[in-house]
Amino acid sequence: MSTIKDVCRLAQVSKSTVSRVLNDHPRVAEATKQKVLKVIDSIGYKPNSSAQALASKRTNSIGMLVGTLAGPYFSSLVSSTEGTLRKNGFHLIATSGQGSIKDEMDAVQFLLSKQVDGLIIHTGELPDQDLLDIVDKVPATIILNHQIDELANNCIGLDDELGGYLATKHLIEQGHTKIACITGPMSQNISRDRLHGYRRALEEHAIEYNSQFVVEGRLDLKNNRQAPRYLLDNNPDITAVFCLNDHVALGVYDELEARHLTVGDDVSVVGFDNSLVSEHVTPKLTTINFPTIEMGFLAANKILSLVKQQDYPIPQLLVPELVIRHSVKKIN
């Protein structure tokens, strides 16, 4: 088994230099760094992680809190984040809050108990003050999909208002004027922002906002037919529905089928997130693409820069895109 002494001998450097290279210390000449890394790779040296942690006062682990570990959105986000961290010698410890403030705070405390070097938090429940308190304890913290003015440089989100606008505008351009909207929980900023985009598109095209066309729903698959059932029972004249995510859209698909109505021909549907399922339903779902892979990549690189006290500028808002498929039909 190769040892650090072997690396020192073959690279002709001191033990402290090898240690600095392993801990990505900025005060190591690039040529020296590459020479050491080449030797490490050639002899297959595996540094002792415990010793590294003691020397660097780091555990080379990052904690991540998400709403749930199930579903295509979060699985894609976590996978992208974990893959980027792994390439940089860090491990991800992921846990979920299950839609409860208490459970989310418990999850944060669990991650802190693991002495993680930094936190990536995607919360739907924690108030801003709780997040500010967490950052006071762990400055290397990234907040996903939630903007806090005091933490602007540590937040990465999506322009949800633009996404809602693009979805509704597309329906209007296809001739629809009686356009409903099924939101997520209005306590969440993404629901409010996407609804605001829906309203802006209607206003720009001189279509009166009708509160009867807007129903609050859920963002998961649980009871996802309840909102579309209420909407269609009370508004049988609607011709299109903008759904706050693709799970909501699946509920609309199921409810329309139960009523012997056809997606597109009878009621057009637009989703949000561009999850894998959107390409595997019939008809394929027109939706708004949420760049979760890009968000995970940026979050991982930003948290690494904070842990290493380096600079890594990030966009605060990613740009959504309309993905046109077959669930929207043009009407006269």
Protein backbone atom coordinates (compact mmCIF):
# COMPACT_ATOMS: atom_id res chain seq x y z
CA MET A 1 0.00 0.00 0.00
CA SER A 2 1.37 3.39 -0.97
CA THR A 3 2.06 5.94 1.75
CA ILE A 4 2.55 9.68 1.91
CA LYS A 5 6.29 9.03 2.28
CA ASP A 6 6.26 7.38 -1.14
CA VAL A 7 4.60 10.45 -2.62
CA CYS A 8 7.18 12.73 -0.97
CA ARG A 9 10.08 10.65 -2.26
CA LEU A 10 8.85 10.34 -5.84
CA ALA A 11 7.68 13.95 -6.13
CA GLN A 12 10.76 15.21 -4.23
CA VAL A 13 8.71 17.45 -1.97
CA SER A 14 8.10 17.68 1.76
CA LYS A 15 5.25 16.05 3.65
CA SER A 16 3.75 19.47 4.37
CA THR A 17 3.68 20.25 0.64
CA VAL A 18 1.81 17.02 -0.10
CA SER A 19 -0.63 17.85 2.69
CA ARG A 20 -1.26 21.31 1.24
CA VAL A 21 -1.89 19.82 -2.19
CA LEU A 22 -4.35 17.30 -0.75
CA ASN A 23 -6.20 20.08 1.07
CA ASP A 24 -6.21 22.33 -2.01
CA HIS A 25 -4.28 25.06 -0.25
CA PRO A 26 -4.00 28.18 -2.43
CA ARG A 27 -0.33 28.76 -1.55
CA VAL A 28 1.03 25.91 -3.65
CA ALA A 29 2.64 26.57 -7.01
CA GLU A 30 0.60 25.08 -9.85
CA ALA A 31 3.59 23.18 -11.26
CA THR A 32 4.28 21.62 -7.85
CA LYS A 33 0.61 20.77 -7.40
CA GLN A 34 0.43 19.00 -10.76
CA LYS A 35 3.65 17.08 -10.06
CA VAL A 36 2.33 15.82 -6.73
CA LEU A 37 -1.08 14.92 -8.17
CA LYS A 38 0.60 13.00 -11.00
CA VAL A 39 2.58 10.92 -8.52
CA ILE A 40 -0.51 10.31 -6.37
CA ASP A 41 -2.39 9.09 -9.42
CA SER A 42 0.45 6.91 -10.72
CA ILE A 43 1.00 5.01 -7.45
CA GLY A 44 -2.66 4.95 -6.39
CA TYR A 45 -2.09 6.69 -3.08
CA LYS A 46 -5.28 7.03 -0.96
CA PRO A 47 -4.97 9.66 1.80
CA ASN A 48 -6.37 8.84 5.23
CA SER A 49 -9.63 10.79 5.41
CA SER A 50 -9.57 11.06 9.20
CA ALA A 51 -6.05 12.43 9.18
CA GLN A 52 -6.99 14.87 6.44
CA ALA A 53 -9.95 16.10 8.43
CA LEU A 54 -7.80 16.66 11.52
CA ALA A 55 -5.14 18.50 9.56
CA SER A 56 -7.52 20.71 7.61
CA LYS A 57 -10.23 20.99 10.27
CA ARG A 58 -12.63 19.83 7.55
CA THR A 59 -14.64 16.66 7.09
CA ASN A 60 -14.85 17.03 3.29
CA SER A 61 -18.59 16.57 3.54
CA ILE A 62 -21.50 18.83 2.62
CA GLY A 63 -25.00 18.59 4.07
CA MET A 64 -28.03 19.05 1.85
CA LEU A 65 -31.64 19.58 2.91
CA VAL A 66 -34.40 19.11 0.33
CA GLY A 67 -38.17 18.84 0.53
CA THR A 68 -38.19 15.13 -0.24
CA LEU A 69 -35.75 12.55 -1.59
CA ALA A 70 -38.49 11.16 -3.86
CA GLY A 71 -39.56 12.42 -7.26
CA PRO A 72 -37.65 13.41 -10.40
CA TYR A 73 -37.06 17.08 -9.50
CA PHE A 74 -35.21 16.52 -6.24
CA SER A 75 -33.48 13.33 -7.39
CA SER A 76 -32.03 15.21 -10.37
CA LEU A 77 -30.96 18.13 -8.18
CA VAL A 78 -29.33 15.92 -5.55
CA SER A 79 -27.63 13.74 -8.16
CA SER A 80 -26.11 16.74 -9.97
CA THR A 81 -24.90 18.25 -6.70
CA GLU A 82 -23.43 14.97 -5.44
CA GLY A 83 -21.65 14.23 -8.72
CA THR A 84 -19.95 17.63 -8.78
CA LEU A 85 -18.89 17.37 -5.14
CA ARG A 86 -17.48 13.86 -5.66
CA LYS A 87 -15.28 15.10 -8.51
CA ASN A 88 -13.83 17.59 -6.05
CA GLY A 89 -13.17 15.08 -3.28
CA PHE A 90 -16.22 15.87 -1.15
CA HIS A 91 -19.16 13.70 -0.10
CA LEU A 92 -22.80 14.71 0.16
CA ILE A 93 -25.05 13.89 3.10
CA ALA A 94 -28.64 14.47 1.96
CA THR A 95 -31.79 14.49 4.05
CA SER A 96 -35.36 15.77 3.67
CA GLY A 97 -37.77 17.97 5.58
CA GLN A 98 -41.01 16.25 4.49
CA GLY A 99 -42.94 19.53 4.28
CA SER A 100 -42.75 20.48 7.97
CA ILE A 101 -40.88 23.31 9.72
CA LYS A 102 -40.07 21.03 12.66
CA ASP A 103 -38.82 18.24 10.42
CA GLU A 104 -36.72 20.67 8.38
CA MET A 105 -35.11 22.10 11.52
CA ASP A 106 -34.51 18.58 12.83
CA ALA A 107 -32.86 17.73 9.51
CA VAL A 108 -30.58 20.78 9.75
CA GLN A 109 -29.57 19.80 13.30
CA PHE A 110 -28.82 16.27 12.08
CA LEU A 111 -26.53 17.64 9.37
CA LEU A 112 -24.77 19.92 11.83
CA SER A 113 -24.21 16.96 14.15
CA LYS A 114 -22.25 15.35 11.31
CA GLN A 115 -19.88 18.34 11.35
CA VAL A 116 -20.41 19.05 7.67
CA ASP A 117 -18.24 21.76 6.14
CA GLY A 118 -21.18 23.52 4.53
CA LEU A 119 -24.93 23.38 3.94
CA ILE A 120 -27.09 23.46 0.82
CA ILE A 121 -30.70 24.17 1.79
CA HIS A 122 -33.75 23.81 -0.45
CA THR A 123 -36.62 24.62 1.85
CA GLY A 124 -40.31 25.13 1.32
CA GLU A 125 -41.11 25.81 4.96
CA LEU A 126 -38.35 27.52 6.96
CA PRO A 127 -38.91 31.25 7.56
CA ASP A 128 -36.25 33.73 6.45
CA GLN A 129 -35.17 34.43 10.04
CA ASP A 130 -34.47 30.74 10.65
CA LEU A 131 -32.35 30.64 7.51
CA LEU A 132 -30.47 33.77 8.60
CA ASP A 133 -29.81 32.12 11.98
CA ILE A 134 -28.47 29.01 10.23
CA VAL A 135 -26.09 31.09 8.11
CA ASP A 136 -24.86 32.83 11.27
CA LYS A 137 -23.83 29.39 12.57
CA VAL A 138 -22.58 28.03 9.23
CA PRO A 139 -21.41 30.85 6.91
CA ALA A 140 -20.75 28.30 4.16
CA THR A 141 -24.45 27.90 3.38
CA ILE A 142 -26.28 28.04 0.04
CA ILE A 143 -30.03 28.64 -0.22
CA LEU A 144 -31.75 27.16 -3.29
CA ASN A 145 -34.93 28.42 -4.90
CA HIS A 146 -35.56 31.04 -2.24
CA GLN A 147 -34.30 34.60 -2.35
CA ILE A 148 -33.28 36.48 0.81
CA ASP A 149 -31.95 40.01 0.29
CA GLU A 150 -29.43 39.76 3.12
CA LEU A 151 -28.01 36.56 1.60
CA ALA A 152 -28.24 37.52 -2.06
CA ASN A 153 -24.77 36.22 -2.92
CA ASN A 154 -25.57 32.84 -1.35
CA CYS A 155 -28.91 32.26 -3.10
CA ILE A 156 -29.51 30.44 -6.37
CA GLY A 157 -33.02 30.39 -7.75
CA LEU A 158 -35.12 30.20 -10.86
CA ASP A 159 -36.97 33.14 -12.39
CA ASP A 160 -40.32 31.57 -11.48
CA GLU A 161 -42.28 34.67 -12.42
CA LEU A 162 -40.86 34.48 -15.95
CA GLY A 163 -41.70 30.76 -16.11
CA GLY A 164 -45.35 31.42 -15.23
CA TYR A 165 -45.44 34.22 -17.77
CA LEU A 166 -43.99 32.07 -20.59
CA ALA A 167 -46.43 29.22 -19.92
CA THR A 168 -49.50 31.47 -19.93
CA LYS A 169 -48.30 33.54 -22.88
CA HIS A 170 -47.96 30.36 -24.94
CA LEU A 171 -51.56 29.40 -24.19
CA ILE A 172 -52.75 32.90 -25.12
CA GLU A 173 -50.81 32.75 -28.39
CA GLN A 174 -52.67 29.55 -29.21
CA GLY A 175 -55.99 31.41 -28.93
CA HIS A 176 -56.94 30.59 -25.34
CA THR A 177 -58.57 33.23 -23.15
CA LYS A 178 -60.29 31.09 -20.50
CA ILE A 179 -57.09 29.90 -18.86
CA ALA A 180 -57.14 28.40 -15.38
CA CYS A 181 -54.21 28.04 -12.99
CA ILE A 182 -53.62 25.38 -10.36
CA THR A 183 -51.04 26.68 -7.91
CA GLY A 184 -48.99 24.99 -5.26
CA PRO A 185 -49.31 26.02 -1.60
CA MET A 186 -49.51 29.81 -1.60
CA SER A 187 -47.30 29.92 1.49
CA GLN A 188 -44.39 29.10 -0.82
CA ASN A 189 -42.68 31.82 -2.83
CA ILE A 190 -42.50 29.71 -5.99
CA SER A 191 -46.29 29.46 -6.08
CA ARG A 192 -46.71 33.19 -5.61
CA ASP A 193 -44.08 34.04 -8.22
CA ARG A 194 -45.43 31.66 -10.87
CA LEU A 195 -48.96 32.92 -10.28
CA HIS A 196 -47.70 36.47 -10.67
CA GLY A 197 -46.27 35.50 -14.07
CA TYR A 198 -49.64 34.03 -15.04
CA ARG A 199 -51.37 37.27 -14.08
CA ARG A 200 -48.82 39.43 -15.93
CA ALA A 201 -49.35 37.51 -19.16
CA LEU A 202 -53.14 37.91 -18.88
CA GLU A 203 -52.78 41.63 -18.18
CA GLU A 204 -50.44 42.22 -21.12
CA HIS A 205 -53.00 40.63 -23.44
CA ALA A 206 -55.99 42.47 -21.97
CA ILE A 207 -57.55 39.30 -20.54
CA GLU A 208 -59.38 39.91 -17.29
CA TYR A 209 -58.09 37.97 -14.29
CA ASN A 210 -60.78 35.66 -12.91
CA SER A 211 -60.13 34.47 -9.36
CA GLN A 212 -62.59 31.59 -9.95
CA PHE A 213 -60.09 30.17 -12.45
CA VAL A 214 -57.34 29.90 -9.80
CA VAL A 215 -57.25 26.94 -7.39
CA GLU A 216 -54.63 26.14 -4.78
CA GLY A 217 -53.28 22.62 -5.07
CA ARG A 218 -50.31 20.51 -3.99
CA LEU A 219 -46.90 20.13 -5.61
CA ASP A 220 -46.62 16.38 -5.02
CA LEU A 221 -48.63 13.44 -6.33
CA LYS A 222 -50.76 13.04 -3.21
CA ASN A 223 -54.45 13.81 -3.89
CA ASN A 224 -53.43 15.62 -7.05
CA ARG A 225 -56.89 15.17 -8.64
CA GLN A 226 -58.68 17.14 -5.95
CA ALA A 227 -57.79 20.61 -7.30
CA PRO A 228 -58.57 19.87 -10.97
CA ARG A 229 -61.83 18.19 -9.94
CA TYR A 230 -62.93 21.33 -8.07
CA LEU A 231 -61.75 23.54 -10.92
CA LEU A 232 -63.65 21.65 -13.65
CA ASP A 233 -66.78 21.22 -11.53
CA ASN A 234 -67.02 24.98 -11.08
CA ASN A 235 -65.61 26.17 -14.41
CA PRO A 236 -66.66 23.80 -17.19
CA ASP A 237 -65.97 26.48 -19.81
CA ILE A 238 -62.20 26.69 -19.34
CA THR A 239 -60.12 25.67 -22.36
CA ALA A 240 -56.65 25.56 -20.82
CA VAL A 241 -54.85 25.03 -17.50
CA PHE A 242 -51.44 26.25 -16.40
CA CYS A 243 -50.14 23.88 -13.71
CA LEU A 244 -47.52 24.94 -11.16
CA ASN A 245 -45.57 21.73 -11.77
CA ASP A 246 -45.74 18.49 -13.76
CA HIS A 247 -47.22 16.54 -10.81
CA VAL A 248 -50.16 18.93 -10.83
CA ALA A 249 -50.47 18.43 -14.58
CA LEU A 250 -50.68 14.64 -14.11
CA GLY A 251 -53.67 15.20 -11.83
CA VAL A 252 -55.33 17.23 -14.58
CA TYR A 253 -54.61 14.46 -17.10
CA ASP A 254 -56.25 11.89 -14.82
CA GLU A 255 -59.28 14.04 -14.07
CA LEU A 256 -59.86 14.82 -17.75
CA GLU A 257 -59.66 11.13 -18.60
CA ALA A 258 -62.19 10.33 -15.87
CA ARG A 259 -64.56 12.83 -17.51
CA HIS A 260 -63.95 11.35 -20.98
CA LEU A 261 -62.24 14.56 -22.06
CA THR A 262 -59.03 14.71 -24.10
CA VAL A 263 -55.92 16.66 -23.19
CA GLY A 264 -55.31 19.18 -25.93
CA ASP A 265 -58.52 18.67 -27.92
CA ASP A 266 -60.82 19.56 -25.01
CA VAL A 267 -58.52 21.23 -22.48
CA SER A 268 -54.92 22.26 -23.15
CA VAL A 269 -52.40 21.75 -20.35
CA VAL A 270 -48.99 23.29 -19.56
CA GLY A 271 -46.83 22.02 -16.72
CA PHE A 272 -43.66 23.23 -15.02
CA ASP A 273 -40.26 21.56 -14.28
CA ASN A 274 -39.86 19.42 -17.42
CA SER A 275 -39.59 16.27 -15.32
CA LEU A 276 -38.94 12.90 -16.96
CA VAL A 277 -42.63 12.00 -16.81
CA SER A 278 -43.52 14.92 -19.09
CA GLU A 279 -42.12 13.04 -22.09
CA HIS A 280 -43.83 9.75 -21.19
CA VAL A 281 -47.48 10.73 -20.89
CA THR A 282 -49.94 10.88 -23.77
CA PRO A 283 -50.00 13.45 -25.21
CA LYS A 284 -46.49 14.54 -24.28
CA LEU A 285 -46.67 17.47 -21.90
CA THR A 286 -45.78 21.02 -22.88
CA THR A 287 -43.92 22.39 -19.86
CA ILE A 288 -41.39 24.89 -18.53
CA ASN A 289 -37.86 23.57 -18.19
CA PHE A 290 -36.29 23.94 -14.76
CA PRO A 291 -32.50 23.54 -15.16
CA THR A 292 -32.03 21.38 -12.06
CA ILE A 293 -28.76 19.87 -13.28
CA GLU A 294 -27.29 23.34 -13.77
CA MET A 295 -28.56 24.43 -10.35
CA GLY A 296 -26.94 21.41 -8.68
CA PHE A 297 -23.65 22.08 -10.47
CA LEU A 298 -23.65 25.74 -9.46
CA ALA A 299 -24.66 24.97 -5.87
CA ALA A 300 -21.85 22.44 -5.48
CA ASN A 301 -19.19 24.74 -6.90
CA LYS A 302 -20.40 27.71 -4.87
CA ILE A 303 -20.43 25.77 -1.61
CA LEU A 304 -16.91 24.49 -2.34
CA SER A 305 -15.74 28.05 -2.92
CA LEU A 306 -17.23 29.15 0.42
CA VAL A 307 -15.64 26.24 2.27
CA LYS A 308 -12.25 26.99 0.69
CA GLN A 309 -12.74 30.75 1.04
CA GLN A 310 -12.43 31.28 -2.69
CA ASP A 311 -14.44 33.38 -5.10
CA TYR A 312 -17.02 31.74 -7.38
CA PRO A 313 -19.62 34.17 -8.75
CA ILE A 314 -23.02 32.67 -9.52
CA PRO A 315 -26.20 33.94 -11.18
CA GLN A 316 -28.90 34.56 -8.60
CA LEU A 317 -31.65 33.57 -11.02
CA LEU A 318 -31.53 30.85 -13.68
CA VAL A 319 -33.63 31.31 -16.80
CA PRO A 320 -36.59 28.96 -17.50
CA GLU A 321 -37.48 27.87 -21.04
CA LEU A 322 -40.72 26.77 -22.66
CA VAL A 323 -40.64 23.19 -23.98
CA ILE A 324 -43.39 22.76 -26.57
CA ARG A 325 -44.83 19.27 -27.00
CA HIS A 326 -48.38 18.07 -27.75
CA SER A 327 -50.66 18.96 -24.82
CA VAL A 328 -51.65 22.39 -26.17
CA LYS A 329 -53.93 22.82 -29.20
CA LYS A 330 -54.58 26.02 -31.10
CA ILE A 331 -58.18 27.25 -31.02
CA ASN A 332 -59.93 29.89 -33.12
